[in-house]
Amino acid sequence: METIIVQDTDAAILDVLTQALIMEGFQVLPVSDIKGDFLSLVDQHRPHVVMLDYKLDGEACKQTCFQIKQRYPHLPIIAMSCNYNIDRLYGANGFDGYIRKPFDLDLLYTILRRHIPEQQKPADRQ
């Protein structure tokens, strides 16, 4: 089961995202803010993807992305934002993808699957 750390400052959005991802078969660790030692959560849970709330200027989010990428350069990090220009900002700030808020759940699943390779079936592994 793939693990996703989801951070959003809006409790209602965090709850909806958590429930939607669990229903899709992901193990979810919801986090309301990125203050403190967010990197230790990544170390401890070894997620397949991290989703971060890119608010306003996104400074805290960008710093967290940079810290994660320093330690885990191949870990996909998705920016979630209602900023009109997130499509131009995400790549320049180290994110692997983005999703606009409000978001369509099917689009969310598609974006996540793009960054999480399909698990091989046990019989296929040799």
C-alpha atoms as a PDB file:
ATOM      1  CA  MET A   1       0.000   0.000   0.000  1.00  0.00           C
ATOM      2  CA  GLU A   2       1.379   3.382  -1.015  1.00  0.00           C
ATOM      3  CA  THR A   3       1.820   6.023   1.665  1.00  0.00           C
ATOM      4  CA  ILE A   4       1.087   9.698   1.116  1.00  0.00           C
ATOM      5  CA  ILE A   5       1.800  12.554   3.514  1.00  0.00           C
ATOM      6  CA  VAL A   6      -0.809  15.264   2.944  1.00  0.00           C
ATOM      7  CA  GLN A   7      -0.344  18.713   4.460  1.00  0.00           C
ATOM      8  CA  ASP A   8      -3.062  21.348   4.311  1.00  0.00           C
ATOM      9  CA  THR A   9      -3.832  24.196   6.694  1.00  0.00           C
ATOM     10  CA  ASP A  10      -7.582  23.999   5.984  1.00  0.00           C
ATOM     11  CA  ALA A  11      -9.000  21.249   8.225  1.00  0.00           C
ATOM     12  CA  ALA A  12     -11.995  20.628   5.935  1.00  0.00           C
ATOM     13  CA  ILE A  13      -9.796  20.166   2.853  1.00  0.00           C
ATOM     14  CA  LEU A  14      -7.407  17.960   4.800  1.00  0.00           C
ATOM     15  CA  ASP A  15     -10.297  15.771   5.958  1.00  0.00           C
ATOM     16  CA  VAL A  16     -11.781  15.433   2.461  1.00  0.00           C
ATOM     17  CA  LEU A  17      -8.376  14.647   0.950  1.00  0.00           C
ATOM     18  CA  THR A  18      -7.633  12.083   3.632  1.00  0.00           C
ATOM     19  CA  GLN A  19     -10.960  10.287   3.149  1.00  0.00           C
ATOM     20  CA  ALA A  20     -10.735  10.394  -0.656  1.00  0.00           C
ATOM     21  CA  LEU A  21      -7.205   8.975  -0.659  1.00  0.00           C
ATOM     22  CA  ILE A  22      -8.063   6.241   1.832  1.00  0.00           C
ATOM     23  CA  MET A  23     -11.050   5.248  -0.341  1.00  0.00           C
ATOM     24  CA  GLU A  24      -8.658   5.009  -3.296  1.00  0.00           C
ATOM     25  CA  GLY A  25      -6.461   2.588  -1.339  1.00  0.00           C
ATOM     26  CA  PHE A  26      -3.674   4.829  -0.072  1.00  0.00           C
ATOM     27  CA  GLN A  27      -2.292   4.940   3.439  1.00  0.00           C
ATOM     28  CA  VAL A  28      -2.530   8.621   4.447  1.00  0.00           C
ATOM     29  CA  LEU A  29      -0.753  10.676   7.074  1.00  0.00           C
ATOM     30  CA  PRO A  30      -2.633  13.999   7.350  1.00  0.00           C
ATOM     31  CA  VAL A  31      -0.703  16.994   8.705  1.00  0.00           C
ATOM     32  CA  SER A  32      -2.166  20.446   9.345  1.00  0.00           C
ATOM     33  CA  ASP A  33       1.009  22.533   9.172  1.00  0.00           C
ATOM     34  CA  ILE A  34       4.653  22.287   8.233  1.00  0.00           C
ATOM     35  CA  LYS A  35       6.074  24.009  11.273  1.00  0.00           C
ATOM     36  CA  GLY A  36       8.426  21.983  13.386  1.00  0.00           C
ATOM     37  CA  ASP A  37      10.362  19.021  12.069  1.00  0.00           C
ATOM     38  CA  PHE A  38       8.338  17.989   9.015  1.00  0.00           C
ATOM     39  CA  LEU A  39      11.365  16.159   7.665  1.00  0.00           C
ATOM     40  CA  SER A  40      11.259  13.701  10.577  1.00  0.00           C
ATOM     41  CA  LEU A  41       7.771  12.633   9.425  1.00  0.00           C
ATOM     42  CA  VAL A  42       9.197  11.890   6.005  1.00  0.00           C
ATOM     43  CA  ASP A  43      12.091   9.972   7.589  1.00  0.00           C
ATOM     44  CA  GLN A  44       9.758   7.970   9.801  1.00  0.00           C
ATOM     45  CA  HIS A  45       6.993   7.131   7.301  1.00  0.00           C
ATOM     46  CA  ARG A  46       8.961   6.938   4.019  1.00  0.00           C
ATOM     47  CA  PRO A  47       6.028   8.055   1.842  1.00  0.00           C
ATOM     48  CA  HIS A  48       5.660   7.443  -1.881  1.00  0.00           C
ATOM     49  CA  VAL A  49       4.439  11.037  -2.385  1.00  0.00           C
ATOM     50  CA  VAL A  50       4.224  14.239  -0.318  1.00  0.00           C
ATOM     51  CA  MET A  51       1.453  16.770  -0.999  1.00  0.00           C
ATOM     52  CA  LEU A  52       2.027  20.294   0.338  1.00  0.00           C
ATOM     53  CA  ASP A  53      -0.345  23.253   0.628  1.00  0.00           C
ATOM     54  CA  TYR A  54       1.230  26.062  -1.416  1.00  0.00           C
ATOM     55  CA  LYS A  55      -0.300  29.167   0.187  1.00  0.00           C
ATOM     56  CA  LEU A  56       0.080  32.755  -0.967  1.00  0.00           C
ATOM     57  CA  ASP A  57       3.795  33.269  -1.571  1.00  0.00           C
ATOM     58  CA  GLY A  58       4.530  29.652  -0.688  1.00  0.00           C
ATOM     59  CA  GLU A  59       7.731  30.427   1.247  1.00  0.00           C
ATOM     60  CA  ALA A  60       7.272  27.830   3.997  1.00  0.00           C
ATOM     61  CA  CYS A  61       6.121  25.286   1.449  1.00  0.00           C
ATOM     62  CA  LYS A  62       9.101  25.976  -0.839  1.00  0.00           C
ATOM     63  CA  GLN A  63      11.527  25.671   2.074  1.00  0.00           C
ATOM     64  CA  THR A  64       9.980  22.357   3.119  1.00  0.00           C
ATOM     65  CA  CYS A  65      10.137  21.069  -0.453  1.00  0.00           C
ATOM     66  CA  PHE A  66      13.810  22.072  -0.665  1.00  0.00           C
ATOM     67  CA  GLN A  67      14.628  20.305   2.636  1.00  0.00           C
ATOM     68  CA  ILE A  68      12.884  17.114   1.545  1.00  0.00           C
ATOM     69  CA  LYS A  69      14.571  17.161  -1.884  1.00  0.00           C
ATOM     70  CA  GLN A  70      18.000  17.592  -0.234  1.00  0.00           C
ATOM     71  CA  ARG A  71      17.540  14.280   1.566  1.00  0.00           C
ATOM     72  CA  TYR A  72      15.201  12.483  -0.863  1.00  0.00           C
ATOM     73  CA  PRO A  73      15.801  13.874  -4.356  1.00  0.00           C
ATOM     74  CA  HIS A  74      13.559  11.314  -6.076  1.00  0.00           C
ATOM     75  CA  LEU A  75      10.571  11.622  -3.718  1.00  0.00           C
ATOM     76  CA  PRO A  76       7.699  13.215  -5.655  1.00  0.00           C
ATOM     77  CA  ILE A  77       6.303  16.372  -4.043  1.00  0.00           C
ATOM     78  CA  ILE A  78       3.016  17.817  -5.282  1.00  0.00           C
ATOM     79  CA  ALA A  79       2.030  21.450  -4.656  1.00  0.00           C
ATOM     80  CA  MET A  80      -1.673  22.052  -3.977  1.00  0.00           C
ATOM     81  CA  SER A  81      -2.781  25.626  -4.529  1.00  0.00           C
ATOM     82  CA  CYS A  82      -5.522  27.998  -5.560  1.00  0.00           C
ATOM     83  CA  ASN A  83      -2.858  30.440  -6.813  1.00  0.00           C
ATOM     84  CA  TYR A  84      -3.683  31.299 -10.416  1.00  0.00           C
ATOM     85  CA  ASN A  85      -0.036  30.879 -11.483  1.00  0.00           C
ATOM     86  CA  ILE A  86       0.817  27.605  -9.744  1.00  0.00           C
ATOM     87  CA  ASP A  87       1.315  26.042 -13.182  1.00  0.00           C
ATOM     88  CA  ARG A  88       4.345  28.339 -13.635  1.00  0.00           C
ATOM     89  CA  LEU A  89       5.599  28.307 -10.038  1.00  0.00           C
ATOM     90  CA  TYR A  90       5.683  24.627  -9.144  1.00  0.00           C
ATOM     91  CA  GLY A  91       8.596  23.497 -11.336  1.00  0.00           C
ATOM     92  CA  ALA A  92      10.743  26.539 -10.610  1.00  0.00           C
ATOM     93  CA  ASN A  93      10.429  25.800  -6.887  1.00  0.00           C
ATOM     94  CA  GLY A  94      11.382  22.122  -6.964  1.00  0.00           C
ATOM     95  CA  PHE A  95       7.951  20.477  -7.024  1.00  0.00           C
ATOM     96  CA  ASP A  96       7.294  17.510  -9.271  1.00  0.00           C
ATOM     97  CA  GLY A  97       3.682  18.398  -9.980  1.00  0.00           C
ATOM     98  CA  TYR A  98       0.743  20.491  -8.870  1.00  0.00           C
ATOM     99  CA  ILE A  99      -2.989  20.378  -8.494  1.00  0.00           C
ATOM    100  CA  ARG A 100      -5.231  23.403  -8.418  1.00  0.00           C
ATOM    101  CA  LYS A 101      -7.790  23.916  -5.687  1.00  0.00           C
ATOM    102  CA  PRO A 102     -10.638  23.224  -5.845  1.00  0.00           C
ATOM    103  CA  PHE A 103      -9.705  19.936  -7.433  1.00  0.00           C
ATOM    104  CA  ASP A 104     -11.419  17.086  -9.173  1.00  0.00           C
ATOM    105  CA  LEU A 105     -10.776  13.771  -7.405  1.00  0.00           C
ATOM    106  CA  ASP A 106     -10.250  11.858 -10.648  1.00  0.00           C
ATOM    107  CA  LEU A 107      -7.595  14.377 -11.675  1.00  0.00           C
ATOM    108  CA  LEU A 108      -5.985  14.077  -8.233  1.00  0.00           C
ATOM    109  CA  TYR A 109      -5.787  10.271  -8.570  1.00  0.00           C
ATOM    110  CA  THR A 110      -4.364  10.601 -12.087  1.00  0.00           C
ATOM    111  CA  ILE A 111      -1.654  12.998 -10.915  1.00  0.00           C
ATOM    112  CA  LEU A 112      -0.725  10.755  -7.991  1.00  0.00           C
ATOM    113  CA  ARG A 113      -0.583   7.620 -10.160  1.00  0.00           C
ATOM    114  CA  ARG A 114       1.711   9.484 -12.542  1.00  0.00           C
ATOM    115  CA  HIS A 115       4.189   9.807  -9.674  1.00  0.00           C
ATOM    116  CA  ILE A 116       3.674   6.391  -8.051  1.00  0.00           C
ATOM    117  CA  PRO A 117       4.694   3.467 -10.247  1.00  0.00           C
ATOM    118  CA  GLU A 118       2.269   0.579 -10.325  1.00  0.00           C
ATOM    119  CA  GLN A 119       3.273  -2.058  -7.807  1.00  0.00           C
ATOM    120  CA  GLN A 120       4.443  -5.295  -9.353  1.00  0.00           C
ATOM    121  CA  LYS A 121       2.336  -8.302  -8.504  1.00  0.00           C
ATOM    122  CA  PRO A 122       4.181 -10.813  -6.266  1.00  0.00           C
ATOM    123  CA  ALA A 123       4.186 -13.407  -9.080  1.00  0.00           C
ATOM    124  CA  ASP A 124       5.887 -10.902 -11.410  1.00  0.00           C
ATOM    125  CA  ARG A 125       8.852 -10.296  -9.095  1.00  0.00           C
ATOM    126  CA  GLN A 126      11.885 -12.482  -9.641  1.00  0.00           C
END
